[in-house]
Amino acid sequence: MVVVFEELPATLLLDTLLEECPVVDERQIELYDFGDLVRSAVSDTDEDERDYMAFSAKLIAYELGIRFLADYLNGDPYFKTSREGQNLDRCRAQFALARDIERKEEVMSRLVEQF
């Protein structure tokens, strides 16, 4: 969840304030990402913003992959893990998702244009 304070020049990512991230496995992450994408797709955004929706999905997957990698390299202090190397696997899964989105970006963009 993102909160923007109009009085302050800042954006807060509330998940970074949690003691333990509620994300447990890759399926949940994909569902969160998909849910964010769907909410964006059905919103009343202007045409210019819709031009970047497919790209944004790829960017979110890439960003999350970097966050998992950073957490893995720092000893897994942020994302909850149940086994050794889980955040590295999550990182790889997100990078694979970003590559897959990139391959399908044109099709995704056409789908967004239909709405």
C-alpha atoms as a PDB file:
ATOM      1  CA  MET A   1       0.000   0.000   0.000  1.00  0.00           C
ATOM      2  CA  VAL A   2       1.263   3.476  -0.854  1.00  0.00           C
ATOM      3  CA  VAL A   3       0.264   6.571   1.079  1.00  0.00           C
ATOM      4  CA  VAL A   4       0.952  10.048  -0.261  1.00  0.00           C
ATOM      5  CA  PHE A   5       0.771  12.958   2.146  1.00  0.00           C
ATOM      6  CA  GLU A   6      -0.180  16.115   0.305  1.00  0.00           C
ATOM      7  CA  GLU A   7       1.378  18.295   3.003  1.00  0.00           C
ATOM      8  CA  LEU A   8       4.679  16.402   2.892  1.00  0.00           C
ATOM      9  CA  PRO A   9       6.908  15.799  -0.107  1.00  0.00           C
ATOM     10  CA  ALA A  10       7.010  12.065   0.626  1.00  0.00           C
ATOM     11  CA  THR A  11       5.491   8.751  -0.304  1.00  0.00           C
ATOM     12  CA  LEU A  12       5.344   5.952   2.254  1.00  0.00           C
ATOM     13  CA  LEU A  13       5.355   2.296   1.329  1.00  0.00           C
ATOM     14  CA  LEU A  14       3.484   0.898   4.296  1.00  0.00           C
ATOM     15  CA  ASP A  15       4.797  -2.630   3.803  1.00  0.00           C
ATOM     16  CA  THR A  16       8.276  -1.340   4.662  1.00  0.00           C
ATOM     17  CA  LEU A  17       6.964  -0.284   8.073  1.00  0.00           C
ATOM     18  CA  LEU A  18       5.743  -3.731   8.997  1.00  0.00           C
ATOM     19  CA  GLU A  19       7.841  -5.791  11.346  1.00  0.00           C
ATOM     20  CA  GLU A  20       7.221  -8.876   9.228  1.00  0.00           C
ATOM     21  CA  CYS A  21       6.100  -8.774   5.635  1.00  0.00           C
ATOM     22  CA  PRO A  22       2.844 -10.676   5.100  1.00  0.00           C
ATOM     23  CA  VAL A  23       4.185 -12.138   1.843  1.00  0.00           C
ATOM     24  CA  VAL A  24       4.711 -15.839   2.361  1.00  0.00           C
ATOM     25  CA  ASP A  25       5.284 -17.354  -1.053  1.00  0.00           C
ATOM     26  CA  GLU A  26       5.589 -16.555  -4.739  1.00  0.00           C
ATOM     27  CA  ARG A  27       1.921 -17.293  -5.487  1.00  0.00           C
ATOM     28  CA  GLN A  28       0.817 -14.549  -3.122  1.00  0.00           C
ATOM     29  CA  ILE A  29       3.289 -12.119  -4.653  1.00  0.00           C
ATOM     30  CA  GLU A  30       2.003 -12.832  -8.150  1.00  0.00           C
ATOM     31  CA  LEU A  31      -1.570 -12.351  -6.950  1.00  0.00           C
ATOM     32  CA  TYR A  32      -0.683  -9.014  -5.329  1.00  0.00           C
ATOM     33  CA  ASP A  33       1.065  -7.872  -8.518  1.00  0.00           C
ATOM     34  CA  PHE A  34      -1.853  -9.031 -10.662  1.00  0.00           C
ATOM     35  CA  GLY A  35      -4.329  -7.338  -8.336  1.00  0.00           C
ATOM     36  CA  ASP A  36      -2.391  -4.077  -8.574  1.00  0.00           C
ATOM     37  CA  LEU A  37      -2.352  -4.362 -12.357  1.00  0.00           C
ATOM     38  CA  VAL A  38      -6.102  -5.064 -12.550  1.00  0.00           C
ATOM     39  CA  ARG A  39      -6.933  -2.151 -10.231  1.00  0.00           C
ATOM     40  CA  SER A  40      -4.854   0.098 -12.445  1.00  0.00           C
ATOM     41  CA  ALA A  41      -6.432  -1.243 -15.625  1.00  0.00           C
ATOM     42  CA  VAL A  42     -10.010  -0.632 -14.509  1.00  0.00           C
ATOM     43  CA  SER A  43      -9.366   2.780 -12.979  1.00  0.00           C
ATOM     44  CA  ASP A  44     -10.421   6.032 -14.594  1.00  0.00           C
ATOM     45  CA  THR A  45      -6.896   6.974 -15.588  1.00  0.00           C
ATOM     46  CA  ASP A  46      -6.273   9.188 -18.544  1.00  0.00           C
ATOM     47  CA  GLU A  47      -5.001   7.775 -21.823  1.00  0.00           C
ATOM     48  CA  ASP A  48      -1.376   8.804 -21.247  1.00  0.00           C
ATOM     49  CA  GLU A  49      -1.196   6.785 -18.033  1.00  0.00           C
ATOM     50  CA  ARG A  50      -2.673   3.702 -19.711  1.00  0.00           C
ATOM     51  CA  ASP A  51       0.164   3.766 -22.239  1.00  0.00           C
ATOM     52  CA  TYR A  52       2.526   2.670 -19.466  1.00  0.00           C
ATOM     53  CA  MET A  53       0.488  -0.059 -17.758  1.00  0.00           C
ATOM     54  CA  ALA A  54       2.191  -3.047 -19.376  1.00  0.00           C
ATOM     55  CA  PHE A  55       5.577  -1.465 -18.782  1.00  0.00           C
ATOM     56  CA  SER A  56       4.609  -0.789 -15.156  1.00  0.00           C
ATOM     57  CA  ALA A  57       3.802  -4.463 -14.577  1.00  0.00           C
ATOM     58  CA  LYS A  58       7.280  -5.373 -15.804  1.00  0.00           C
ATOM     59  CA  LEU A  59       8.851  -2.660 -13.656  1.00  0.00           C
ATOM     60  CA  ILE A  60       7.039  -3.838 -10.515  1.00  0.00           C
ATOM     61  CA  ALA A  61       8.242  -7.417 -11.051  1.00  0.00           C
ATOM     62  CA  TYR A  62      11.807  -6.207 -11.629  1.00  0.00           C
ATOM     63  CA  GLU A  63      11.715  -3.950  -8.556  1.00  0.00           C
ATOM     64  CA  LEU A  64      10.396  -6.754  -6.360  1.00  0.00           C
ATOM     65  CA  GLY A  65      13.103  -9.064  -7.697  1.00  0.00           C
ATOM     66  CA  ILE A  66      15.730  -6.522  -6.659  1.00  0.00           C
ATOM     67  CA  ARG A  67      14.153  -6.232  -3.210  1.00  0.00           C
ATOM     68  CA  PHE A  68      14.231 -10.021  -2.762  1.00  0.00           C
ATOM     69  CA  LEU A  69      17.857 -10.125  -3.913  1.00  0.00           C
ATOM     70  CA  ALA A  70      18.856  -7.340  -1.531  1.00  0.00           C
ATOM     71  CA  ASP A  71      17.076  -9.097   1.339  1.00  0.00           C
ATOM     72  CA  TYR A  72      18.815 -12.380   0.492  1.00  0.00           C
ATOM     73  CA  LEU A  73      22.226 -10.688   0.363  1.00  0.00           C
ATOM     74  CA  ASN A  74      21.558  -9.019   3.723  1.00  0.00           C
ATOM     75  CA  GLY A  75      20.601 -12.234   5.508  1.00  0.00           C
ATOM     76  CA  ASP A  76      16.815 -12.162   4.937  1.00  0.00           C
ATOM     77  CA  PRO A  77      15.889  -9.548   7.569  1.00  0.00           C
ATOM     78  CA  TYR A  78      12.771  -8.215   5.815  1.00  0.00           C
ATOM     79  CA  PHE A  79      10.872 -10.897   3.878  1.00  0.00           C
ATOM     80  CA  LYS A  80       9.845 -13.903   5.945  1.00  0.00           C
ATOM     81  CA  THR A  81      11.410 -17.144   4.731  1.00  0.00           C
ATOM     82  CA  SER A  82      10.838 -20.783   5.630  1.00  0.00           C
ATOM     83  CA  ARG A  83      13.957 -22.199   3.999  1.00  0.00           C
ATOM     84  CA  GLU A  84      17.478 -21.260   2.987  1.00  0.00           C
ATOM     85  CA  GLY A  85      17.683 -19.448  -0.334  1.00  0.00           C
ATOM     86  CA  GLN A  86      13.956 -18.736  -0.550  1.00  0.00           C
ATOM     87  CA  ASN A  87      14.419 -15.016  -1.230  1.00  0.00           C
ATOM     88  CA  LEU A  88      16.957 -15.822  -3.941  1.00  0.00           C
ATOM     89  CA  ASP A  89      14.377 -18.133  -5.528  1.00  0.00           C
ATOM     90  CA  ARG A  90      11.769 -15.392  -5.225  1.00  0.00           C
ATOM     91  CA  CYS A  91      14.188 -12.995  -6.894  1.00  0.00           C
ATOM     92  CA  ARG A  92      14.702 -15.388  -9.783  1.00  0.00           C
ATOM     93  CA  ALA A  93      10.941 -15.912 -10.115  1.00  0.00           C
ATOM     94  CA  GLN A  94      10.316 -12.157 -10.294  1.00  0.00           C
ATOM     95  CA  PHE A  95      13.054 -11.658 -12.885  1.00  0.00           C
ATOM     96  CA  ALA A  96      11.549 -14.520 -14.927  1.00  0.00           C
ATOM     97  CA  LEU A  97       8.145 -12.838 -14.613  1.00  0.00           C
ATOM     98  CA  ALA A  98       9.641  -9.532 -15.812  1.00  0.00           C
ATOM     99  CA  ARG A  99      11.158 -11.300 -18.838  1.00  0.00           C
ATOM    100  CA  ASP A 100       7.841 -12.997 -19.564  1.00  0.00           C
ATOM    101  CA  ILE A 101       5.972  -9.693 -19.333  1.00  0.00           C
ATOM    102  CA  GLU A 102       8.535  -8.148 -21.654  1.00  0.00           C
ATOM    103  CA  ARG A 103       7.878 -10.872 -24.221  1.00  0.00           C
ATOM    104  CA  LYS A 104       4.127 -10.261 -23.914  1.00  0.00           C
ATOM    105  CA  GLU A 105       4.236  -6.486 -23.432  1.00  0.00           C
ATOM    106  CA  GLU A 106       2.829  -5.684 -26.855  1.00  0.00           C
ATOM    107  CA  VAL A 107      -0.154  -8.011 -26.363  1.00  0.00           C
ATOM    108  CA  MET A 108      -0.745  -6.621 -22.875  1.00  0.00           C
ATOM    109  CA  SER A 109      -0.683  -3.075 -24.213  1.00  0.00           C
ATOM    110  CA  ARG A 110      -3.285  -3.958 -26.835  1.00  0.00           C
ATOM    111  CA  LEU A 111      -5.513  -5.489 -24.150  1.00  0.00           C
ATOM    112  CA  VAL A 112      -5.271  -2.358 -22.016  1.00  0.00           C
ATOM    113  CA  GLU A 113      -6.209  -0.210 -25.030  1.00  0.00           C
ATOM    114  CA  GLN A 114      -9.482  -2.116 -25.342  1.00  0.00           C
ATOM    115  CA  PHE A 115     -10.747  -0.781 -21.995  1.00  0.00           C
END
